[in-house]
Protein backbone atom coordinates (compact mmCIF):
# COMPACT_ATOMS: atom_id res chain seq x y z
CA MET A 1 118.23 114.99 88.51
CA ALA A 2 120.65 113.60 85.74
CA LYS A 3 121.08 110.52 87.96
CA ALA A 4 117.25 110.08 88.25
CA HIS A 5 116.88 110.49 84.46
CA LEU A 6 119.40 108.03 83.58
CA LEU A 7 118.00 105.46 85.91
CA PHE A 8 114.20 106.03 84.76
CA ALA A 9 115.51 105.91 81.08
CA VAL A 10 116.95 102.37 81.70
CA ILE A 11 113.75 101.27 83.59
CA LEU A 12 111.53 102.58 80.67
CA ALA A 13 113.74 100.74 78.19
CA TYR A 14 113.39 97.74 80.30
CA LEU A 15 109.54 97.90 80.36
CA LEU A 16 109.22 98.65 76.64
CA LEU A 17 111.99 96.59 75.10
CA ASN A 18 113.06 93.71 77.39
CA GLY A 19 111.76 91.19 75.17
CA ARG A 20 112.98 92.89 72.08
CA LEU A 21 116.73 93.62 72.75
CA VAL A 22 118.50 90.13 72.97
CA LEU A 23 121.69 88.46 72.69
CA ARG A 24 121.92 85.29 70.80
CA VAL A 25 124.31 82.78 72.74
CA SER A 26 125.30 79.04 71.98
CA SER A 27 124.62 77.67 75.28
CA GLY A 28 122.78 74.53 74.58
CA GLY A 29 119.33 76.17 75.73
CA ARG A 30 117.03 78.47 73.88
CA GLY A 31 119.99 80.68 73.01
CA ILE A 32 118.18 83.99 73.92
CA VAL A 33 119.67 86.38 76.53
CA PRO A 34 117.54 89.78 77.15
CA VAL A 35 120.05 92.42 77.71
CA LEU A 36 118.10 94.75 79.83
CA GLU A 37 117.33 91.95 82.36
CA LEU A 38 121.20 92.11 83.06
CA LEU A 39 121.19 95.89 83.25
CA ILE A 40 118.59 96.52 86.02
CA PRO A 41 120.68 94.86 88.84
CA ILE A 42 123.97 96.78 87.53
CA ALA A 43 122.03 100.19 87.46
CA VAL A 44 120.67 99.87 90.96
CA ALA A 45 124.14 98.70 92.22
CA LEU A 46 125.86 101.77 90.76
CA LEU A 47 122.94 103.90 92.31
CA LEU A 48 123.76 102.46 95.79
CA LEU A 49 127.60 103.03 95.22
CA LEU A 50 126.87 106.62 94.20
CA GLU A 51 124.59 107.03 97.35
CA SER A 52 127.54 106.22 99.48
CA GLY A 53 125.18 104.96 102.09
CA SER A 54 122.45 102.07 102.88
CA SER A 55 119.28 104.70 103.47
CA SER A 56 117.75 103.18 100.46
CA MET A 57 117.87 99.55 101.98
CA ALA A 58 116.79 100.92 105.68
CA SER A 59 113.13 100.04 104.92
CA LEU A 60 114.05 96.55 104.01
CA ASN A 61 115.64 95.94 107.30
CA THR A 62 112.25 95.64 109.22
CA GLY A 63 110.43 92.49 110.52
CA ARG A 64 107.53 93.12 108.25
CA PHE A 65 109.75 92.83 105.12
CA ARG A 66 111.66 89.83 106.47
CA SER A 67 108.67 87.96 107.40
CA ARG A 68 106.63 88.75 104.20
CA TRP A 69 108.88 89.18 101.07
CA ALA A 70 112.24 88.18 102.04
CA PRO A 71 111.62 84.36 102.09
CA TYR A 72 110.19 84.46 98.58
CA LEU A 73 113.15 86.59 97.27
CA ALA A 74 115.77 84.28 99.11
CA LEU A 75 114.36 81.14 97.60
CA THR A 76 113.94 82.65 94.15
CA ILE A 77 117.58 83.63 94.23
CA ALA A 78 118.95 80.38 95.77
CA LEU A 79 116.96 77.53 94.34
CA PRO A 80 118.59 77.68 90.98
CA LEU A 81 121.86 77.79 92.43
CA PHE A 82 120.97 74.69 94.37
CA GLY A 83 119.82 73.25 91.03
CA VAL A 84 123.22 73.78 89.50
CA LEU A 85 125.20 72.44 92.50
CA TYR A 86 123.10 69.55 93.70
CA ALA A 87 120.53 68.48 91.01
CA ASP A 88 122.65 68.41 87.72
CA TYR A 89 121.18 71.34 86.32
CA PRO A 90 123.49 73.07 83.57
CA LEU A 91 125.55 76.09 84.62
CA ARG A 92 123.33 78.32 82.02
CA THR A 93 120.24 77.75 84.10
CA ILE A 94 121.70 79.76 86.88
CA VAL A 95 120.47 82.85 85.10
CA SER A 96 117.06 82.29 86.46
CA SER A 97 118.31 83.59 89.78
CA LEU A 98 118.24 87.02 88.27
CA SER A 99 114.45 87.14 88.59
CA GLY A 100 114.95 87.47 92.42
CA ILE A 101 117.78 89.89 92.10
CA ARG A 102 115.94 91.98 89.66
CA ALA A 103 112.96 92.15 92.22
CA LEU A 104 115.18 93.11 94.99
CA ALA A 105 116.72 95.99 92.64
CA PHE A 106 113.28 97.16 92.06
CA LEU A 107 112.33 97.21 95.65
CA VAL A 108 115.61 99.20 96.32
CA LEU A 109 114.71 101.58 93.60
CA GLY A 110 111.28 102.17 94.89
CA CYS A 111 112.80 103.08 98.40
CA TRP A 112 115.32 105.44 96.83
CA ILE A 113 112.65 107.27 94.78
CA ALA A 114 110.42 107.75 98.17
CA ARG A 115 113.33 109.16 99.78
CA SER A 116 114.53 111.29 97.02
CA GLY A 117 111.75 113.89 97.38
CA THR A 118 108.93 115.11 95.43
CA ALA A 119 110.62 116.14 92.32
CA THR A 120 111.99 112.58 91.91
CA GLY A 121 108.55 110.95 92.49
CA LEU A 122 106.92 113.42 89.90
CA LEU A 123 109.55 112.44 87.27
CA ALA A 124 109.13 108.74 87.82
CA GLY A 125 105.49 109.33 87.15
CA ARG A 126 105.96 111.03 83.86
CA TYR A 127 108.25 108.09 82.84
CA VAL A 128 105.48 105.69 83.72
CA PHE A 129 103.01 107.74 81.99
CA ALA A 130 105.25 107.56 78.94
CA ALA A 131 105.32 103.98 79.04
CA VAL A 132 101.56 103.78 79.16
CA LEU A 133 101.08 105.88 76.22
CA ALA A 134 103.64 104.29 74.21
CA GLU A 135 102.14 100.73 74.57
CA ALA A 136 98.75 102.03 73.78
CA VAL A 137 100.13 103.70 70.36
CA LEU A 138 101.99 100.38 69.61
CA ALA A 139 98.79 98.32 70.29
CA THR A 140 96.61 100.59 68.39
CA GLY A 141 98.96 100.33 65.33
CA GLN A 142 99.02 96.71 65.56
CA PHE A 143 95.20 96.49 65.61
CA LEU A 144 94.86 98.85 62.58
CA HIS A 145 97.24 96.90 60.60
CA GLY A 146 95.45 93.90 61.38
CA HIS A 147 92.28 95.47 60.17
CA GLY A 148 93.71 96.16 56.79
CA VAL A 149 94.93 99.79 57.68
CA SER A 150 98.51 100.02 56.03
CA ASN A 151 101.31 102.78 55.96
CA HIS A 152 105.02 102.69 55.81
CA LEU A 153 105.22 103.00 59.77
CA LEU A 154 102.77 100.37 60.43
CA GLU A 155 104.45 97.96 57.99
CA LEU A 156 107.64 98.66 59.66
CA GLN A 157 106.06 98.04 62.89
CA TYR A 158 104.67 94.67 61.75
CA GLN A 159 108.02 93.34 60.36
CA TRP A 160 109.56 94.29 63.73
CA ASP A 161 106.82 92.49 65.70
CA ILE A 162 107.43 89.29 63.43
CA VAL A 163 111.10 89.27 63.49
CA SER A 164 111.07 89.77 67.37
CA GLN A 165 108.54 87.02 67.93
CA GLY A 166 110.36 84.71 65.62
CA SER A 167 113.66 85.10 67.21
CA TYR A 168 112.28 83.16 70.10
CA SER A 169 110.17 80.60 68.01
CA GLU A 170 107.63 80.49 65.35
CA LYS A 171 105.20 79.40 68.04
CA TYR A 172 105.33 83.10 69.24
CA ILE A 173 104.15 84.57 66.11
CA ILE A 174 100.77 86.02 67.02
CA THR A 175 99.08 88.52 64.25
CA GLY A 176 95.58 88.39 65.43
CA ARG A 177 96.03 90.35 68.68
CA SER A 178 98.11 93.29 69.76
CA ILE A 179 101.15 92.78 71.74
CA GLY A 180 102.30 96.24 72.33
CA SER A 181 106.14 96.17 72.82
CA PHE A 182 106.11 92.72 74.33
CA ILE A 183 106.35 89.39 72.75
CA ASN A 184 103.16 88.01 73.95
CA PRO A 185 99.65 89.52 73.83
CA ASN A 186 98.81 88.22 77.50
CA GLU A 187 102.01 90.35 78.60
CA LEU A 188 100.53 93.46 77.33
CA GLY A 189 97.24 92.68 78.90
CA TYR A 190 98.93 92.09 82.29
CA TRP A 191 100.89 95.29 81.74
CA SER A 192 97.57 97.28 81.07
CA VAL A 193 95.87 96.17 84.17
CA ILE A 194 99.02 97.42 86.50
CA ALA A 195 99.00 100.46 84.45
CA PHE A 196 95.35 100.93 85.10
CA TRP A 197 95.79 100.94 88.82
CA VAL A 198 98.96 102.98 88.80
CA SER A 199 97.22 105.48 86.66
CA LEU A 200 94.40 105.86 89.11
CA PHE A 201 96.13 105.95 92.31
CA ALA A 202 99.78 107.35 91.54
CA LEU A 203 99.48 109.78 88.77
CA ARG A 204 97.55 113.16 89.03
CA GLY A 205 95.29 115.22 86.75
CA TRP A 206 95.19 114.89 83.08
CA TYR A 207 98.14 112.34 83.34
CA SER A 208 96.02 110.11 85.45
CA ALA A 209 92.87 110.45 83.00
CA ALA A 210 94.81 109.91 79.98
CA GLY A 211 96.70 107.10 81.42
CA PHE A 212 93.66 105.28 82.54
CA VAL A 213 92.13 105.52 79.15
CA ALA A 214 95.25 104.47 77.46
CA ALA A 215 95.56 101.36 79.81
CA LEU A 216 92.00 100.31 79.13
CA LEU A 217 92.55 100.73 75.38
CA SER A 218 95.69 98.34 75.65
CA LEU A 219 93.89 95.82 77.73
CA VAL A 220 90.78 95.50 75.12
CA LEU A 221 93.32 95.24 71.99
CA SER A 222 95.40 92.70 73.92
CA GLN A 223 92.36 90.49 74.29
CA SER A 224 93.66 88.85 77.35
CA ARG A 225 90.94 87.21 79.16
CA GLY A 226 92.97 86.40 82.16
CA SER A 227 94.08 89.88 82.40
CA MET A 228 90.38 91.17 82.05
CA PHE A 229 89.53 88.74 84.85
CA ALA A 230 92.58 90.20 86.85
CA LEU A 231 91.00 93.57 86.69
CA VAL A 232 87.58 92.77 87.67
CA GLY A 233 88.86 90.57 90.39
CA SER A 234 91.23 93.00 91.91
CA GLY A 235 88.43 95.65 91.82
CA ALA A 236 86.23 93.22 93.54
CA VAL A 237 88.77 92.87 96.15
CA LEU A 238 88.85 96.84 96.56
CA LEU A 239 85.12 97.13 96.45
CA ALA A 240 84.65 94.31 99.09
CA TYR A 241 86.86 96.12 101.38
CA LEU A 242 85.22 99.63 100.75
CA ALA A 243 81.83 97.88 101.70
CA LEU A 244 83.11 95.92 104.51
CA SER A 245 84.92 98.89 106.08
CA GLY A 246 81.87 100.84 106.32
CA ALA A 247 83.04 103.46 103.56
CA VAL A 248 79.74 103.34 101.68
CA ILE A 249 80.69 106.49 99.95
CA PRO A 250 84.10 107.06 99.39
CA ARG A 251 85.42 110.52 100.57
CA ARG A 252 87.62 111.30 97.18
CA ALA A 253 86.53 111.73 93.91
CA ARG A 254 89.21 109.38 92.70
CA GLU A 255 87.94 106.66 94.57
CA ILE A 256 84.26 107.31 93.31
CA ALA A 257 85.68 107.32 89.77
CA THR A 258 87.55 103.99 90.46
CA LEU A 259 84.34 102.39 91.27
CA CYS A 260 82.40 103.85 88.38
CA CYS A 261 85.19 102.72 86.07
CA LEU A 262 85.18 99.22 87.58
CA SER A 263 81.53 98.90 87.24
CA GLY A 264 81.75 100.13 83.75
CA VAL A 265 84.33 97.50 82.91
CA LEU A 266 81.98 94.85 84.33
CA ILE A 267 78.99 95.87 82.66
CA LEU A 268 81.06 96.14 79.25
CA THR A 269 82.40 92.72 79.58
CA LEU A 270 78.97 91.27 80.33
CA ALA A 271 77.50 93.24 77.38
CA ALA A 272 80.22 91.90 75.08
CA ALA A 273 79.17 88.28 75.77
CA GLY A 274 75.52 89.14 75.32
CA LEU A 275 76.11 90.81 72.10
CA GLN A 276 78.22 87.68 70.89
CA ASP A 277 75.11 86.21 68.90
CA ARG A 278 74.87 89.73 66.94
CA PHE A 279 78.39 89.80 66.13
CA SER A 280 79.31 86.18 65.79
CA ASP A 281 82.02 87.00 63.32
CA SER A 282 84.09 89.08 65.80
CA PRO A 283 87.09 86.99 67.17
CA MET A 284 87.61 89.62 70.06
CA LEU A 285 83.92 89.21 71.32
CA SER A 286 84.44 85.43 70.78
CA ARG A 287 87.31 85.24 72.90
CA PHE A 288 85.72 87.20 75.85
CA ASN A 289 82.66 85.03 75.54
CA ARG A 290 84.47 81.86 75.68
CA GLY A 291 86.53 83.04 78.71
CA LEU A 292 83.09 83.78 80.40
CA GLN A 293 81.84 80.26 79.54
CA VAL A 294 85.10 78.78 81.22
CA VAL A 295 83.97 80.46 84.30
CA SER A 296 80.40 79.14 84.15
CA GLU A 297 80.94 75.87 82.36
CA GLY A 298 84.31 74.85 83.13
CA ALA A 299 87.76 74.33 81.04
CA THR A 300 85.90 72.16 78.30
CA ALA A 301 84.28 75.53 77.19
CA ASP A 302 87.69 76.40 75.61
CA ARG A 303 90.17 74.53 73.92
CA ASN A 304 92.98 76.70 75.33
CA ALA A 305 91.77 76.61 78.86
CA GLU A 306 91.35 72.84 78.49
CA GLY A 307 94.76 72.35 77.30
CA ARG A 308 96.25 74.43 80.14
CA VAL A 309 94.28 72.13 82.75
CA MET A 310 95.70 69.10 81.09
CA ALA A 311 99.10 70.42 81.40
CA TRP A 312 98.70 71.15 84.88
CA GLN A 313 97.28 67.73 85.64
CA GLN A 314 100.61 66.24 84.01
CA ALA A 315 102.61 68.71 85.89
CA MET A 316 101.19 67.24 89.15
CA ILE A 317 102.07 63.76 87.98
CA PHE A 318 105.52 65.12 87.52
CA TYR A 319 105.73 66.59 90.94
CA SER A 320 104.92 63.19 92.62
CA ASP A 321 108.26 62.09 91.44
CA HIS A 322 110.02 65.32 92.71
CA LEU A 323 108.44 65.93 96.00
CA ALA A 324 111.43 67.98 97.27
CA GLY A 325 111.07 70.33 94.06
CA THR A 326 113.51 70.43 91.10
CA TRP A 327 115.20 73.31 92.59
CA GLY A 328 116.36 74.58 88.90
CA GLU A 329 113.47 75.74 86.55
CA PRO A 330 111.00 72.79 86.18
CA GLN A 331 110.50 73.47 82.55
CA TYR A 332 114.07 72.36 81.91
CA LEU A 333 112.96 68.84 82.97
CA LEU A 334 109.32 69.10 81.58
CA GLY A 335 110.40 70.52 78.25
CA HIS A 336 107.70 73.13 77.94
CA PHE A 337 106.77 76.25 79.99
CA MET A 338 103.96 76.06 82.79
CA ASP A 339 101.28 78.50 82.31
CA ASN A 340 100.48 78.91 85.90
CA ASP A 341 103.08 80.48 88.36
CA TYR A 342 101.52 78.49 91.44
CA VAL A 343 102.19 75.12 89.85
CA ARG A 344 105.58 76.37 88.49
CA VAL A 345 106.56 77.53 91.94
CA LEU A 346 105.52 74.34 93.75
CA LEU A 347 107.50 72.08 91.36
CA GLN A 348 110.53 74.05 91.63
CA GLY A 349 110.72 74.46 95.29
CA SER A 350 108.02 72.24 96.88
CA PRO A 351 105.11 73.71 99.32
CA ILE A 352 107.85 75.53 100.91
CA TYR A 353 108.37 77.71 98.06
CA LEU A 354 104.77 77.88 97.37
CA PHE A 355 104.01 79.03 100.91
CA ALA A 356 106.55 81.73 100.41
CA LEU A 357 104.73 83.15 97.44
CA PHE A 358 101.58 83.14 99.33
CA LEU A 359 103.17 85.10 102.00
CA ALA A 360 104.46 87.70 99.74
CA ILE A 361 101.03 88.00 97.88
CA GLY A 362 99.13 87.94 101.13
CA GLY A 363 101.52 90.43 102.81
CA ALA A 364 100.91 92.94 100.10
CA ILE A 365 97.04 92.58 99.87
CA ARG A 366 97.06 93.00 103.67
CA GLU A 367 98.25 96.58 103.19
CA LEU A 368 94.99 97.61 101.73
CA PRO A 369 93.59 99.45 104.84
CA TYR A 370 96.87 101.67 105.45
CA LEU A 371 98.19 104.88 103.97
CA GLY A 372 95.07 105.68 101.56
CA GLU A 373 95.90 105.38 97.95
CA TRP A 374 99.30 103.91 98.35
CA GLY A 375 98.04 101.20 100.36
CA ARG A 376 95.41 100.47 97.81
CA LEU A 377 97.75 100.66 94.85
CA VAL A 378 100.14 98.13 96.58
CA SER A 379 97.06 95.63 97.16
CA MET A 380 95.61 96.12 93.80
CA CYS A 381 99.01 95.43 92.10
CA TRP A 382 99.44 92.20 94.06
CA ALA A 383 95.85 91.14 93.60
CA VAL A 384 96.37 91.44 89.85
CA ILE A 385 99.53 89.16 90.24
CA ALA A 386 97.65 86.56 92.41
CA ILE A 387 94.66 86.44 89.85
CA ASN A 388 96.75 86.42 86.66
CA ALA A 389 99.30 83.89 88.07
CA MET A 390 96.53 81.41 87.98
CA SER A 391 96.81 81.04 83.97
CA ALA A 392 100.20 82.88 83.18
CA ASN A 393 103.53 83.69 84.75
CA PRO A 394 103.25 87.33 85.41
CA LEU A 395 106.26 86.81 88.09
CA ASN A 396 108.67 86.78 85.25
CA TYR A 397 106.76 89.67 83.36
CA ALA A 398 108.73 92.94 82.86
CA ALA A 399 105.66 94.76 84.30
CA THR A 400 105.92 93.25 87.75
CA GLY A 401 108.92 95.56 88.30
CA ILE A 402 106.30 98.18 88.66
CA SER A 403 104.82 96.25 91.44
CA TRP A 404 107.96 95.83 93.41
CA ILE A 405 108.94 99.74 92.81
CA VAL A 406 105.53 100.43 94.27
CA LEU A 407 106.02 98.11 97.05
CA GLY A 408 109.54 99.65 97.87
CA TYR A 409 108.02 103.18 97.81
CA TYR A 410 105.26 102.13 100.14
CA LEU A 411 107.30 100.67 102.68
CA VAL A 412 109.26 103.86 102.99
CA LEU A 413 106.06 105.79 103.49
CA ARG A 414 104.78 103.29 106.14
CA GLN A 415 108.08 103.61 107.98
CA GLN A 416 107.96 107.47 107.95
CA THR A 417 104.46 107.71 109.04
CA ALA A 418 104.34 104.98 111.62
CA VAL A 419 104.48 106.31 115.43
CA LEU A 420 105.11 103.44 117.75
CA THR A 421 103.17 103.58 121.13
CA PRO A 422 103.26 100.94 123.93
CA SER A 423 100.22 99.25 122.61
CA ARG A 424 99.83 99.88 118.92
CA ILE A 425 101.05 101.48 115.69
CA THR A 426 99.10 104.62 114.51
CA TYR A 427 99.52 106.79 111.56
CA ASN A 428 99.72 110.49 111.60
CA ASN A 429 98.78 112.49 108.64
CA ALA A 430 99.59 109.96 106.08
CA SER A 431 97.32 111.40 103.47
CA THR A 432 98.96 114.71 103.88
CA LEU A 433 102.39 113.08 103.41
CA ILE A 434 101.18 111.48 100.25
CA HIS A 435 99.68 114.41 98.79
CA HIS A 436 102.91 116.29 99.59
CA ASN A 437 104.83 113.70 97.77
CA HIS A 438 102.66 113.72 94.67
């Protein structure tokens, strides 16, 4: 278990401190290198060496993986290399290939957890729970400090936040919204939605209940409208499946609780918009209200949304001059980041790369009917990515590592429970296996 503790400690540090622990280098670019982004592939590589075998990779050597997720991973790793070799990108931009390498490392880690037995799975759940609680505590402290509550610890946290955000750019300094341990409040919001689904489907007992409450608290304090819509949208996917599949009343109490919670979130969101007239001085309610207005009235209802749409339109003009893609990161040529992963992927790798992303997202969401809670968790995590990617870059967020780990874990479970017959694949006692593993 010492090996598992060490690995999970590295992953926990990555989730909590990736944006905070950085090296300053004079490379001609931003000059910031997150240290922990480099440690993840190294940690998993050491794991494979210590395993002295390839069992953790076996579930990735399947037709399902090769046809759904391998194309996106391969292009994510290869395109920056092509950018340096053939498109005159500086050598430093090759570091963006690490995004695909880290995703592959997290997949392998998920496979290893599934093959390592019940104790390792339970230990992984406790580390995730610790991360969920830590983010909620940090977000609450930031909220309290922003509303006039001050003590020595809150003041130290505030100074840490300012220094960490300022190390990237003064534009990153945001004090009106909670950011948790991240740099951007929208990343905290995205983390919260992933944590919401993990708490409901992967944790058990009071871990599940406390994780669920902590995740929702972090989401509200982040004031991330895109993440709120991602929660409601991914929940709508689950509700639609349950309705269309004929499961009028879910069998398990956990699923009933999920439906109640999703309904409550939707009702509270609508109620917040309705109460805006009475609490017009509340910036939190105002933000959510403007977000709903964007849905009903269009981007002109909110200055932030309007600015993003204009940036996307300019990006499409840029794309007309780079139909084969930029290969390297498009923001290097654009001069700014693109708050839309679909547009970013299209600019970088043309429709081929975008199609590979659709294959990865669609392939995960298609697992919704299989293996009970684990199929639903995989689908919900990737539905969150699909929705959040419309207004952010979740594919580069630390929390997406959880989605890759969950996918790797699921692929092992599906391989273990599949029984091949001449005409179809059936699944024997999948729910029993899942219950046994957790």
